[in-house]
């Protein structure tokens, strides 16, 4: 079992630009403050992940969709209104508020508001979004519980934060977020997760 940090220790580590393991509503995540770091390099190194795969941000408010997205279409706002906080990542064109190091090669950024109190509290404490990926070595299963976090990865992170009341699986589905591309004329599912294609299609029909 990884050594656990207090909330204050985890928040302080983020403010110093260090990577932290923490709970989300889907799986345990590994994140850094987008304000305290020059880019997501530490996450790629810790996960041993292909640097060609963009890392999404966890945000604290639906308002962040327009703060960090440029030319956000109405269907993306409708999806955020319906499914945020929750397991839906919206890929939008990045605004000037997104540092180039955090943008994809196509100039986009993935944004999601998590439905987990500790994750949202960390975002508030950091004062900015957290660039976040699942807390596992690439190719290994994403951890639903703290006990499932790879000890080697946890030992290299600056802090490991557990859920409130030490209920490790509380509120975590274990299913990755659905990723919706909102950069074209119509929404396109890049990865189906906790929110189904049918859910997205129903939302699209309502918008007609």
N, C-alpha and C. Protein backbone atom coordinates (compact mmCIF):
# COMPACT_ATOMS: atom_id res chain seq x y z
N UNK A 1 0.84 -1.20 0.00
CA UNK A 1 0.00 0.00 0.00
C UNK A 1 0.88 1.25 0.00
N UNK A 2 0.65 2.20 -0.92
CA UNK A 2 1.46 3.42 -0.95
C UNK A 2 1.31 4.24 0.33
N UNK A 3 2.36 4.96 0.70
CA UNK A 3 2.31 5.85 1.85
C UNK A 3 1.41 7.03 1.52
N UNK A 4 0.49 7.33 2.40
CA UNK A 4 -0.49 8.38 2.12
C UNK A 4 -0.06 9.72 2.66
N UNK A 5 -0.41 10.77 1.93
CA UNK A 5 -0.14 12.14 2.35
C UNK A 5 -1.42 12.77 2.87
N UNK A 6 -1.28 13.85 3.63
CA UNK A 6 -2.45 14.64 4.02
C UNK A 6 -2.86 15.50 2.82
N UNK A 7 -4.06 16.04 2.90
CA UNK A 7 -4.52 16.92 1.82
C UNK A 7 -3.57 18.11 1.67
N UNK A 8 -3.16 18.68 2.78
CA UNK A 8 -2.27 19.85 2.74
C UNK A 8 -0.93 19.50 2.09
N UNK A 9 -0.40 18.32 2.39
CA UNK A 9 0.86 17.90 1.78
C UNK A 9 0.71 17.73 0.27
N UNK A 10 -0.41 17.15 -0.15
CA UNK A 10 -0.64 16.96 -1.58
C UNK A 10 -0.80 18.30 -2.29
N UNK A 11 -1.56 19.22 -1.69
CA UNK A 11 -1.76 20.55 -2.29
C UNK A 11 -0.44 21.31 -2.38
N UNK A 12 0.37 21.22 -1.33
CA UNK A 12 1.67 21.91 -1.34
C UNK A 12 2.58 21.34 -2.43
N UNK A 13 2.54 20.02 -2.62
CA UNK A 13 3.36 19.40 -3.67
C UNK A 13 2.94 19.90 -5.04
N UNK A 14 1.65 20.02 -5.27
CA UNK A 14 1.18 20.55 -6.55
C UNK A 14 1.66 21.98 -6.76
N UNK A 15 1.60 22.79 -5.72
CA UNK A 15 2.04 24.18 -5.83
C UNK A 15 3.54 24.29 -6.10
N UNK A 16 4.29 23.25 -5.72
CA UNK A 16 5.73 23.24 -6.01
C UNK A 16 6.03 22.67 -7.40
N UNK A 17 5.00 22.31 -8.12
CA UNK A 17 5.20 21.79 -9.47
C UNK A 17 5.47 20.30 -9.51
N UNK A 18 5.15 19.58 -8.43
CA UNK A 18 5.41 18.14 -8.37
C UNK A 18 4.15 17.34 -8.70
N UNK A 19 4.36 16.08 -9.08
CA UNK A 19 3.26 15.21 -9.46
C UNK A 19 2.65 14.54 -8.22
N UNK A 20 1.33 14.43 -8.23
CA UNK A 20 0.59 13.87 -7.09
C UNK A 20 -0.40 12.81 -7.58
N UNK A 21 -0.53 11.73 -6.83
CA UNK A 21 -1.55 10.72 -7.07
C UNK A 21 -2.76 11.07 -6.23
N UNK A 22 -3.96 11.06 -6.82
CA UNK A 22 -5.16 11.45 -6.07
C UNK A 22 -6.39 10.79 -6.68
N UNK A 23 -7.49 10.71 -5.92
CA UNK A 23 -8.69 10.05 -6.42
C UNK A 23 -9.49 10.96 -7.35
N UNK A 24 -10.13 10.35 -8.34
CA UNK A 24 -11.13 11.04 -9.15
C UNK A 24 -12.39 10.20 -9.10
N UNK A 25 -13.39 10.57 -9.87
CA UNK A 25 -14.64 9.81 -9.88
C UNK A 25 -14.55 8.55 -10.73
N UNK A 26 -13.50 8.43 -11.54
CA UNK A 26 -13.37 7.25 -12.41
C UNK A 26 -12.30 6.30 -11.88
N UNK A 27 -11.06 6.77 -11.81
CA UNK A 27 -9.93 5.98 -11.30
C UNK A 27 -9.01 6.92 -10.53
N UNK A 28 -7.97 6.36 -9.93
CA UNK A 28 -6.96 7.23 -9.32
C UNK A 28 -6.15 7.90 -10.43
N UNK A 29 -5.88 9.20 -10.23
CA UNK A 29 -5.18 9.98 -11.23
C UNK A 29 -3.79 10.39 -10.78
N UNK A 30 -2.99 10.80 -11.74
CA UNK A 30 -1.64 11.33 -11.50
C UNK A 30 -1.61 12.70 -12.17
N UNK A 31 -1.41 13.76 -11.38
CA UNK A 31 -1.55 15.08 -11.95
C UNK A 31 -0.51 16.08 -11.49
N UNK A 32 -0.42 17.17 -12.27
CA UNK A 32 0.43 18.31 -11.93
C UNK A 32 -0.36 19.59 -12.14
N UNK A 33 0.03 20.63 -11.43
CA UNK A 33 -0.57 21.95 -11.61
C UNK A 33 -0.11 22.54 -12.94
N UNK A 34 -1.05 23.06 -13.72
CA UNK A 34 -0.66 23.64 -15.02
C UNK A 34 0.00 25.01 -14.82
N UNK A 35 -0.16 25.59 -13.63
CA UNK A 35 0.44 26.89 -13.35
C UNK A 35 1.86 26.74 -12.80
N UNK A 36 2.12 25.66 -12.08
CA UNK A 36 3.41 25.50 -11.40
C UNK A 36 4.41 24.68 -12.20
N UNK A 37 4.01 24.17 -13.37
CA UNK A 37 4.90 23.37 -14.20
C UNK A 37 4.96 23.95 -15.61
N UNK A 38 6.07 23.72 -16.27
CA UNK A 38 6.24 24.22 -17.64
C UNK A 38 5.52 23.35 -18.65
N UNK A 39 5.16 22.12 -18.26
CA UNK A 39 4.52 21.19 -19.18
C UNK A 39 4.29 19.86 -18.47
N UNK A 40 3.74 18.88 -19.18
CA UNK A 40 3.41 17.60 -18.56
C UNK A 40 4.52 16.57 -18.60
N UNK A 41 5.77 17.00 -18.78
CA UNK A 41 6.87 16.04 -18.94
C UNK A 41 6.97 15.04 -17.80
N UNK A 42 6.74 15.51 -16.56
CA UNK A 42 6.86 14.62 -15.41
C UNK A 42 5.85 13.48 -15.49
N UNK A 43 4.66 13.75 -16.01
CA UNK A 43 3.64 12.71 -16.13
C UNK A 43 4.05 11.67 -17.16
N UNK A 44 4.57 12.11 -18.28
CA UNK A 44 5.04 11.16 -19.30
C UNK A 44 6.14 10.27 -18.73
N UNK A 45 7.05 10.87 -17.97
CA UNK A 45 8.17 10.10 -17.43
C UNK A 45 7.68 9.10 -16.39
N UNK A 46 6.81 9.52 -15.50
CA UNK A 46 6.33 8.62 -14.44
C UNK A 46 5.51 7.47 -15.01
N UNK A 47 4.71 7.75 -16.03
CA UNK A 47 3.86 6.71 -16.62
C UNK A 47 4.58 5.88 -17.68
N UNK A 48 5.76 6.37 -18.11
CA UNK A 48 6.46 5.74 -19.24
C UNK A 48 5.54 5.74 -20.45
N UNK A 49 4.96 6.90 -20.70
CA UNK A 49 3.92 7.06 -21.72
C UNK A 49 4.46 7.72 -22.98
N UNK A 50 3.91 7.33 -24.12
CA UNK A 50 4.24 7.92 -25.41
C UNK A 50 3.90 9.41 -25.37
N UNK A 51 4.88 10.25 -25.64
CA UNK A 51 4.66 11.70 -25.57
C UNK A 51 3.77 12.22 -26.69
N UNK A 52 3.42 11.37 -27.62
CA UNK A 52 2.49 11.79 -28.68
C UNK A 52 1.04 11.75 -28.24
N UNK A 53 0.78 11.21 -27.03
CA UNK A 53 -0.59 11.12 -26.53
C UNK A 53 -0.85 12.30 -25.59
N UNK A 54 -1.77 13.21 -25.95
CA UNK A 54 -2.02 14.39 -25.10
C UNK A 54 -2.56 14.00 -23.73
N UNK A 55 -2.34 14.88 -22.76
CA UNK A 55 -2.83 14.67 -21.40
C UNK A 55 -3.90 15.72 -21.11
N UNK A 56 -5.07 15.26 -20.72
CA UNK A 56 -6.21 16.15 -20.49
C UNK A 56 -6.07 16.90 -19.17
N UNK A 57 -6.90 17.92 -19.01
CA UNK A 57 -6.93 18.70 -17.78
C UNK A 57 -8.20 18.39 -16.99
N UNK A 58 -8.10 18.39 -15.67
CA UNK A 58 -9.26 18.40 -14.80
C UNK A 58 -9.49 19.84 -14.37
N UNK A 59 -10.72 20.32 -14.57
CA UNK A 59 -11.06 21.71 -14.26
C UNK A 59 -12.07 21.76 -13.13
N UNK A 60 -12.24 22.95 -12.55
CA UNK A 60 -13.09 23.07 -11.39
C UNK A 60 -14.46 23.65 -11.62
N UNK A 61 -14.74 24.07 -12.87
CA UNK A 61 -16.01 24.73 -13.14
C UNK A 61 -16.38 24.60 -14.61
N UNK A 62 -17.69 24.53 -14.93
CA UNK A 62 -18.08 24.54 -16.34
C UNK A 62 -17.62 25.81 -17.07
N UNK A 63 -17.42 26.90 -16.32
CA UNK A 63 -16.94 28.14 -16.94
C UNK A 63 -15.56 27.96 -17.57
N UNK A 64 -14.81 26.97 -17.08
CA UNK A 64 -13.46 26.74 -17.61
C UNK A 64 -13.49 26.26 -19.05
N UNK A 65 -14.64 25.76 -19.50
CA UNK A 65 -14.74 25.31 -20.89
C UNK A 65 -14.48 26.46 -21.84
N UNK A 66 -15.03 27.63 -21.55
CA UNK A 66 -14.81 28.80 -22.40
C UNK A 66 -13.54 29.54 -22.04
N UNK A 67 -13.05 29.37 -20.81
CA UNK A 67 -11.80 30.02 -20.42
C UNK A 67 -10.61 29.39 -21.15
N UNK A 68 -10.62 28.07 -21.26
CA UNK A 68 -9.49 27.37 -21.86
C UNK A 68 -9.77 26.84 -23.26
N UNK A 69 -11.01 26.93 -23.68
CA UNK A 69 -11.37 26.54 -25.03
C UNK A 69 -11.61 27.76 -25.91
N UNK A 70 -11.34 27.64 -27.19
CA UNK A 70 -11.56 28.74 -28.15
C UNK A 70 -12.62 28.31 -29.16
N UNK A 71 -13.57 29.19 -29.42
CA UNK A 71 -14.62 28.85 -30.38
C UNK A 71 -15.40 27.62 -29.97
N UNK A 72 -15.71 27.51 -28.70
CA UNK A 72 -16.41 26.33 -28.19
C UNK A 72 -17.81 26.25 -28.78
N UNK A 73 -18.18 25.14 -29.42
CA UNK A 73 -19.50 25.03 -30.03
C UNK A 73 -20.59 24.83 -28.99
N UNK A 74 -21.81 25.14 -29.37
CA UNK A 74 -22.93 25.01 -28.44
C UNK A 74 -23.11 23.57 -27.96
N UNK A 75 -22.84 22.58 -28.83
CA UNK A 75 -23.06 21.20 -28.40
C UNK A 75 -22.07 20.79 -27.30
N UNK A 76 -20.90 21.42 -27.28
CA UNK A 76 -19.94 21.14 -26.20
C UNK A 76 -20.44 21.73 -24.89
N UNK A 77 -21.00 22.93 -24.95
CA UNK A 77 -21.56 23.54 -23.74
C UNK A 77 -22.74 22.73 -23.23
N UNK A 78 -23.56 22.23 -24.14
CA UNK A 78 -24.70 21.40 -23.74
C UNK A 78 -24.24 20.11 -23.08
N UNK A 79 -23.17 19.52 -23.61
CA UNK A 79 -22.63 18.29 -23.02
C UNK A 79 -22.08 18.55 -21.62
N UNK A 80 -21.39 19.68 -21.44
CA UNK A 80 -20.86 20.02 -20.13
C UNK A 80 -22.01 20.27 -19.14
N UNK A 81 -23.05 20.96 -19.61
CA UNK A 81 -24.19 21.24 -18.73
C UNK A 81 -24.87 19.95 -18.28
N UNK A 82 -24.89 18.94 -19.15
CA UNK A 82 -25.57 17.69 -18.83
C UNK A 82 -24.67 16.75 -18.01
N UNK A 83 -23.40 16.65 -18.36
CA UNK A 83 -22.57 15.58 -17.81
C UNK A 83 -21.47 16.04 -16.86
N UNK A 84 -21.28 17.34 -16.66
CA UNK A 84 -20.28 17.82 -15.70
C UNK A 84 -20.95 18.23 -14.41
N UNK A 85 -20.38 17.96 -13.26
CA UNK A 85 -19.19 17.13 -13.10
C UNK A 85 -19.50 15.67 -13.42
N UNK A 86 -18.53 15.01 -14.04
CA UNK A 86 -18.73 13.63 -14.42
C UNK A 86 -17.70 13.13 -15.41
N UNK A 87 -17.88 11.90 -15.89
CA UNK A 87 -16.86 11.21 -16.69
C UNK A 87 -16.91 11.53 -18.18
N UNK A 88 -16.86 12.81 -18.52
CA UNK A 88 -16.85 13.22 -19.93
C UNK A 88 -15.73 14.22 -20.17
N UNK A 89 -14.80 13.86 -21.05
CA UNK A 89 -13.71 14.76 -21.46
C UNK A 89 -14.07 15.38 -22.79
N UNK A 90 -14.05 16.70 -22.85
CA UNK A 90 -14.38 17.44 -24.06
C UNK A 90 -13.10 17.97 -24.69
N UNK A 91 -12.82 17.56 -25.91
CA UNK A 91 -11.64 18.04 -26.63
C UNK A 91 -12.05 19.25 -27.44
N UNK A 92 -11.43 20.38 -27.14
CA UNK A 92 -11.77 21.64 -27.82
C UNK A 92 -10.48 22.31 -28.30
N UNK A 93 -10.65 23.27 -29.17
CA UNK A 93 -9.49 24.05 -29.59
C UNK A 93 -9.01 24.88 -28.41
N UNK A 94 -7.71 24.88 -28.17
CA UNK A 94 -7.15 25.54 -26.99
C UNK A 94 -7.15 27.05 -27.16
N UNK A 95 -7.54 27.75 -26.10
CA UNK A 95 -7.46 29.21 -26.10
C UNK A 95 -6.03 29.65 -25.79
N UNK A 96 -5.81 30.96 -25.82
CA UNK A 96 -4.48 31.49 -25.51
C UNK A 96 -4.11 31.28 -24.05
N UNK A 97 -5.11 30.93 -23.22
CA UNK A 97 -4.83 30.68 -21.80
C UNK A 97 -4.17 29.33 -21.57
N UNK A 98 -4.12 28.49 -22.60
CA UNK A 98 -3.48 27.17 -22.48
C UNK A 98 -2.04 27.27 -22.97
N UNK A 99 -1.05 27.07 -22.10
CA UNK A 99 0.35 27.14 -22.54
C UNK A 99 0.62 26.13 -23.66
N UNK A 100 1.44 26.51 -24.64
CA UNK A 100 1.70 25.62 -25.77
C UNK A 100 2.14 24.21 -25.37
N UNK A 101 2.89 24.08 -24.28
CA UNK A 101 3.39 22.77 -23.88
C UNK A 101 2.26 21.82 -23.48
N UNK A 102 1.10 22.36 -23.15
CA UNK A 102 -0.03 21.53 -22.74
C UNK A 102 -1.02 21.28 -23.88
N UNK A 103 -0.78 21.85 -25.04
CA UNK A 103 -1.68 21.64 -26.18
C UNK A 103 -1.24 20.42 -26.97
N UNK A 104 -2.18 19.79 -27.65
CA UNK A 104 -1.83 18.71 -28.56
C UNK A 104 -1.17 19.29 -29.80
N UNK A 105 -0.62 18.44 -30.64
CA UNK A 105 -0.02 18.90 -31.89
C UNK A 105 -1.04 19.61 -32.77
N UNK A 106 -2.32 19.27 -32.58
CA UNK A 106 -3.39 19.89 -33.36
C UNK A 106 -3.91 21.18 -32.73
N UNK A 107 -3.30 21.58 -31.61
CA UNK A 107 -3.72 22.81 -30.96
C UNK A 107 -4.97 22.68 -30.12
N UNK A 108 -5.21 21.48 -29.59
CA UNK A 108 -6.40 21.24 -28.79
C UNK A 108 -6.03 20.92 -27.35
N UNK A 109 -7.06 20.89 -26.50
CA UNK A 109 -6.88 20.48 -25.11
C UNK A 109 -8.15 19.73 -24.68
N UNK A 110 -7.97 18.68 -23.88
CA UNK A 110 -9.10 17.94 -23.33
C UNK A 110 -9.42 18.47 -21.93
N UNK A 111 -10.70 18.74 -21.67
CA UNK A 111 -11.12 19.31 -20.40
C UNK A 111 -12.21 18.43 -19.77
N UNK A 112 -12.12 18.25 -18.45
CA UNK A 112 -13.14 17.48 -17.74
C UNK A 112 -13.28 18.01 -16.32
N UNK A 113 -14.51 18.12 -15.85
CA UNK A 113 -14.78 18.48 -14.46
C UNK A 113 -15.14 17.20 -13.72
N UNK A 114 -14.29 16.75 -12.79
CA UNK A 114 -14.53 15.47 -12.12
C UNK A 114 -15.61 15.56 -11.05
N UNK A 115 -16.32 14.46 -10.85
CA UNK A 115 -17.33 14.40 -9.80
C UNK A 115 -16.78 13.77 -8.55
N UNK A 116 -15.70 14.29 -8.04
CA UNK A 116 -15.06 13.77 -6.82
C UNK A 116 -14.65 14.96 -5.96
N UNK A 117 -15.07 14.97 -4.71
CA UNK A 117 -14.85 16.11 -3.83
C UNK A 117 -13.37 16.40 -3.60
N UNK A 118 -12.56 15.35 -3.42
CA UNK A 118 -11.14 15.58 -3.15
C UNK A 118 -10.42 16.13 -4.38
N UNK A 119 -10.78 15.62 -5.55
CA UNK A 119 -10.16 16.14 -6.78
C UNK A 119 -10.52 17.61 -6.97
N UNK A 120 -11.79 17.96 -6.76
CA UNK A 120 -12.21 19.35 -6.92
C UNK A 120 -11.54 20.24 -5.88
N UNK A 121 -11.37 19.73 -4.66
CA UNK A 121 -10.70 20.51 -3.63
C UNK A 121 -9.24 20.76 -3.97
N UNK A 122 -8.57 19.77 -4.57
CA UNK A 122 -7.18 19.96 -5.00
C UNK A 122 -7.08 21.02 -6.09
N UNK A 123 -8.03 20.99 -7.03
CA UNK A 123 -8.03 21.99 -8.09
C UNK A 123 -8.19 23.40 -7.48
N UNK A 124 -9.10 23.53 -6.53
CA UNK A 124 -9.28 24.83 -5.87
C UNK A 124 -8.02 25.23 -5.11
N UNK A 125 -7.40 24.28 -4.42
CA UNK A 125 -6.19 24.60 -3.65
C UNK A 125 -5.04 25.02 -4.56
N UNK A 126 -4.93 24.36 -5.72
CA UNK A 126 -3.87 24.71 -6.67
C UNK A 126 -4.16 26.04 -7.35
N UNK A 127 -5.43 26.41 -7.42
CA UNK A 127 -5.81 27.66 -8.07
C UNK A 127 -5.82 27.59 -9.58
N UNK A 128 -5.83 26.37 -10.11
CA UNK A 128 -5.78 26.19 -11.56
C UNK A 128 -6.11 24.74 -11.90
N UNK A 129 -6.34 24.45 -13.19
CA UNK A 129 -6.57 23.05 -13.58
C UNK A 129 -5.35 22.17 -13.29
N UNK A 130 -5.62 20.87 -13.24
CA UNK A 130 -4.56 19.89 -13.06
C UNK A 130 -4.46 19.03 -14.32
N UNK A 131 -3.31 19.02 -14.97
CA UNK A 131 -3.07 18.10 -16.08
C UNK A 131 -3.00 16.71 -15.46
N UNK A 132 -3.89 15.81 -15.88
CA UNK A 132 -4.06 14.55 -15.15
C UNK A 132 -4.22 13.37 -16.10
N UNK A 133 -3.58 12.27 -15.74
CA UNK A 133 -3.72 11.01 -16.44
C UNK A 133 -3.93 9.92 -15.39
N UNK A 134 -4.31 8.74 -15.79
CA UNK A 134 -4.51 7.67 -14.81
C UNK A 134 -3.19 7.29 -14.15
N UNK A 135 -3.27 6.90 -12.88
CA UNK A 135 -2.06 6.63 -12.09
C UNK A 135 -1.59 5.19 -12.27
N UNK A 136 -1.16 4.89 -13.48
CA UNK A 136 -0.63 3.55 -13.79
C UNK A 136 0.47 3.67 -14.83
N UNK A 137 1.33 2.69 -14.88
CA UNK A 137 2.31 2.61 -15.95
C UNK A 137 1.55 2.32 -17.25
N UNK A 138 1.94 2.96 -18.34
CA UNK A 138 1.24 2.77 -19.61
C UNK A 138 1.15 1.29 -19.97
N UNK A 139 -0.04 0.87 -20.37
CA UNK A 139 -0.27 -0.51 -20.73
C UNK A 139 -0.78 -1.36 -19.59
N UNK A 140 -0.72 -0.84 -18.36
CA UNK A 140 -1.23 -1.55 -17.19
C UNK A 140 -2.62 -1.04 -16.85
N UNK A 141 -3.41 -1.80 -16.11
CA UNK A 141 -4.77 -1.36 -15.77
C UNK A 141 -4.76 -0.08 -14.93
N UNK A 142 -5.74 0.79 -15.19
CA UNK A 142 -5.89 2.00 -14.39
C UNK A 142 -6.44 1.61 -13.01
N UNK A 143 -5.89 2.19 -11.93
CA UNK A 143 -6.27 1.76 -10.58
C UNK A 143 -7.57 2.38 -10.07
N UNK A 144 -8.49 1.53 -9.70
CA UNK A 144 -9.73 2.01 -9.11
C UNK A 144 -9.58 2.29 -7.62
N UNK A 145 -8.66 1.60 -6.98
CA UNK A 145 -8.44 1.77 -5.55
C UNK A 145 -7.01 2.21 -5.28
N UNK A 146 -6.79 2.75 -4.10
CA UNK A 146 -5.44 3.16 -3.72
C UNK A 146 -4.51 1.97 -3.68
N UNK A 147 -5.01 0.83 -3.22
CA UNK A 147 -4.19 -0.37 -3.13
C UNK A 147 -3.72 -0.85 -4.49
N UNK A 148 -4.45 -0.48 -5.55
CA UNK A 148 -4.10 -0.93 -6.90
C UNK A 148 -3.09 -0.02 -7.59
N UNK A 149 -2.75 1.11 -6.97
CA UNK A 149 -1.74 2.00 -7.56
C UNK A 149 -0.38 1.31 -7.49
N UNK A 150 0.33 1.29 -8.61
CA UNK A 150 1.64 0.65 -8.69
C UNK A 150 2.58 1.28 -7.65
N UNK A 151 3.13 0.48 -6.73
CA UNK A 151 4.02 1.04 -5.70
C UNK A 151 5.23 1.78 -6.27
N UNK A 152 5.74 1.29 -7.40
CA UNK A 152 6.91 1.95 -8.00
C UNK A 152 6.54 3.35 -8.49
N UNK A 153 5.37 3.46 -9.11
CA UNK A 153 4.92 4.79 -9.57
C UNK A 153 4.64 5.68 -8.37
N UNK A 154 3.94 5.14 -7.38
CA UNK A 154 3.59 5.93 -6.19
C UNK A 154 4.83 6.45 -5.48
N UNK A 155 5.88 5.64 -5.44
CA UNK A 155 7.09 6.03 -4.73
C UNK A 155 7.82 7.17 -5.44
N UNK A 156 7.56 7.33 -6.74
CA UNK A 156 8.21 8.41 -7.50
C UNK A 156 7.38 9.69 -7.52
N UNK A 157 6.10 9.58 -7.14
CA UNK A 157 5.25 10.78 -7.04
C UNK A 157 5.59 11.51 -5.74
N UNK A 158 5.30 12.81 -5.71
CA UNK A 158 5.62 13.60 -4.52
C UNK A 158 4.67 13.33 -3.38
N UNK A 159 3.43 12.93 -3.70
CA UNK A 159 2.43 12.68 -2.66
C UNK A 159 1.36 11.76 -3.20
N UNK A 160 0.76 10.98 -2.31
CA UNK A 160 -0.33 10.07 -2.66
C UNK A 160 -1.49 10.38 -1.73
N UNK A 161 -2.59 10.83 -2.28
CA UNK A 161 -3.75 11.25 -1.50
C UNK A 161 -4.87 10.23 -1.64
N UNK A 162 -5.42 9.78 -0.50
CA UNK A 162 -6.54 8.83 -0.52
C UNK A 162 -7.86 9.58 -0.46
N UNK A 163 -8.95 8.86 -0.71
CA UNK A 163 -10.28 9.43 -0.60
C UNK A 163 -10.62 9.78 0.84
N UNK A 164 -11.63 10.64 1.02
CA UNK A 164 -12.13 10.95 2.35
C UNK A 164 -12.57 9.67 3.06
N UNK A 165 -12.39 9.63 4.35
CA UNK A 165 -12.84 8.52 5.20
C UNK A 165 -12.20 7.19 4.80
N UNK A 166 -11.14 7.26 3.96
CA UNK A 166 -10.39 6.08 3.59
C UNK A 166 -11.26 5.01 2.92
N UNK A 167 -12.31 5.46 2.22
CA UNK A 167 -13.16 4.53 1.46
C UNK A 167 -12.63 4.55 0.03
N UNK A 168 -11.73 3.63 -0.27
CA UNK A 168 -10.92 3.74 -1.49
C UNK A 168 -11.74 3.70 -2.77
N UNK A 169 -12.81 2.91 -2.79
CA UNK A 169 -13.56 2.75 -4.03
C UNK A 169 -14.79 3.64 -4.08
N UNK A 170 -15.01 4.46 -3.07
CA UNK A 170 -16.23 5.25 -3.01
C UNK A 170 -16.32 6.20 -4.19
N UNK A 171 -17.37 6.05 -4.99
CA UNK A 171 -17.61 6.99 -6.07
C UNK A 171 -16.78 6.78 -7.30
N UNK A 172 -15.85 5.81 -7.30
CA UNK A 172 -15.02 5.59 -8.49
C UNK A 172 -15.59 4.43 -9.29
N UNK A 173 -15.87 4.69 -10.55
CA UNK A 173 -16.51 3.68 -11.38
C UNK A 173 -15.52 2.63 -11.87
N UNK A 174 -14.24 3.03 -11.99
CA UNK A 174 -13.26 2.15 -12.60
C UNK A 174 -13.30 2.16 -14.11
N UNK A 175 -14.21 2.94 -14.67
CA UNK A 175 -14.35 3.06 -16.12
C UNK A 175 -13.83 4.44 -16.54
N UNK A 176 -12.98 4.48 -17.54
CA UNK A 176 -12.40 5.75 -18.01
C UNK A 176 -13.49 6.69 -18.52
N UNK A 177 -13.17 7.96 -18.55
CA UNK A 177 -14.12 8.94 -19.08
C UNK A 177 -14.30 8.75 -20.58
N UNK A 178 -15.46 9.12 -21.04
CA UNK A 178 -15.71 9.18 -22.48
C UNK A 178 -15.03 10.44 -23.02
N UNK A 179 -14.39 10.32 -24.17
CA UNK A 179 -13.70 11.46 -24.78
C UNK A 179 -14.46 11.88 -26.03
N UNK A 180 -14.89 13.15 -26.05
CA UNK A 180 -15.71 13.66 -27.14
C UNK A 180 -14.96 14.78 -27.85
N UNK A 181 -14.71 14.59 -29.14
CA UNK A 181 -14.05 15.59 -29.97
C UNK A 181 -15.08 16.65 -30.36
N UNK A 182 -14.84 17.89 -29.92
CA UNK A 182 -15.77 18.99 -30.18
C UNK A 182 -15.15 20.04 -31.10
N UNK A 183 -14.20 19.62 -31.92
CA UNK A 183 -13.50 20.59 -32.78
C UNK A 183 -14.07 20.66 -34.19
N UNK A 184 -14.99 19.76 -34.52
CA UNK A 184 -15.58 19.75 -35.85
C UNK A 184 -17.02 20.25 -35.83
N UNK A 185 -17.71 20.13 -36.95
CA UNK A 185 -19.10 20.61 -37.02
C UNK A 185 -20.07 19.77 -36.19
N UNK A 186 -19.68 18.52 -35.88
CA UNK A 186 -20.52 17.65 -35.07
C UNK A 186 -19.65 16.93 -34.05
N UNK A 187 -20.21 16.58 -32.89
CA UNK A 187 -19.41 15.86 -31.89
C UNK A 187 -19.02 14.48 -32.40
N UNK A 188 -17.83 14.05 -32.00
CA UNK A 188 -17.33 12.74 -32.43
C UNK A 188 -16.71 12.03 -31.24
N UNK A 189 -17.16 10.83 -30.95
CA UNK A 189 -16.64 10.07 -29.82
C UNK A 189 -15.29 9.46 -30.18
N UNK A 190 -14.25 9.86 -29.44
CA UNK A 190 -12.91 9.31 -29.65
C UNK A 190 -12.68 8.08 -28.79
N UNK A 191 -13.34 8.06 -27.63
CA UNK A 191 -13.25 6.90 -26.73
C UNK A 191 -14.54 6.81 -25.95
N UNK A 192 -15.20 5.67 -26.05
CA UNK A 192 -16.42 5.49 -25.28
C UNK A 192 -16.06 4.93 -23.91
N UNK A 193 -16.56 5.59 -22.88
CA UNK A 193 -16.28 5.17 -21.51
C UNK A 193 -17.56 5.09 -20.71
N UNK A 194 -17.56 5.77 -19.56
CA UNK A 194 -18.69 5.69 -18.65
C UNK A 194 -19.96 6.28 -19.25
N UNK A 195 -19.81 7.28 -20.11
CA UNK A 195 -20.95 7.86 -20.82
C UNK A 195 -20.99 7.22 -22.20
N UNK A 196 -22.12 6.64 -22.55
CA UNK A 196 -22.21 5.84 -23.76
C UNK A 196 -22.45 6.68 -25.01
N UNK A 197 -22.21 6.05 -26.14
CA UNK A 197 -22.49 6.70 -27.42
C UNK A 197 -23.97 7.06 -27.50
N UNK A 198 -24.82 6.21 -26.95
CA UNK A 198 -26.26 6.48 -26.94
C UNK A 198 -26.58 7.74 -26.15
N UNK A 199 -25.89 7.95 -25.02
CA UNK A 199 -26.08 9.17 -24.23
C UNK A 199 -25.75 10.40 -25.06
N UNK A 200 -24.64 10.34 -25.79
CA UNK A 200 -24.21 11.47 -26.62
C UNK A 200 -25.19 11.70 -27.75
N UNK A 201 -25.64 10.64 -28.38
CA UNK A 201 -26.59 10.76 -29.50
C UNK A 201 -27.91 11.36 -29.02
N UNK A 202 -28.34 10.98 -27.83
CA UNK A 202 -29.57 11.55 -27.28
C UNK A 202 -29.42 13.04 -27.06
N UNK A 203 -28.27 13.45 -26.55
CA UNK A 203 -28.00 14.87 -26.34
C UNK A 203 -28.02 15.61 -27.67
N UNK A 204 -27.43 15.00 -28.72
CA UNK A 204 -27.39 15.64 -30.04
C UNK A 204 -28.78 15.79 -30.60
N UNK A 205 -29.64 14.78 -30.41
CA UNK A 205 -31.01 14.85 -30.90
C UNK A 205 -31.79 15.95 -30.21
N UNK A 206 -31.56 16.12 -28.91
CA UNK A 206 -32.26 17.16 -28.15
C UNK A 206 -31.87 18.55 -28.64
N UNK A 207 -30.64 18.67 -29.16
CA UNK A 207 -30.17 19.97 -29.62
C UNK A 207 -30.65 20.38 -30.98
N UNK A 208 -31.33 19.48 -31.68
CA UNK A 208 -31.82 19.80 -33.03
C UNK A 208 -33.10 20.62 -32.98
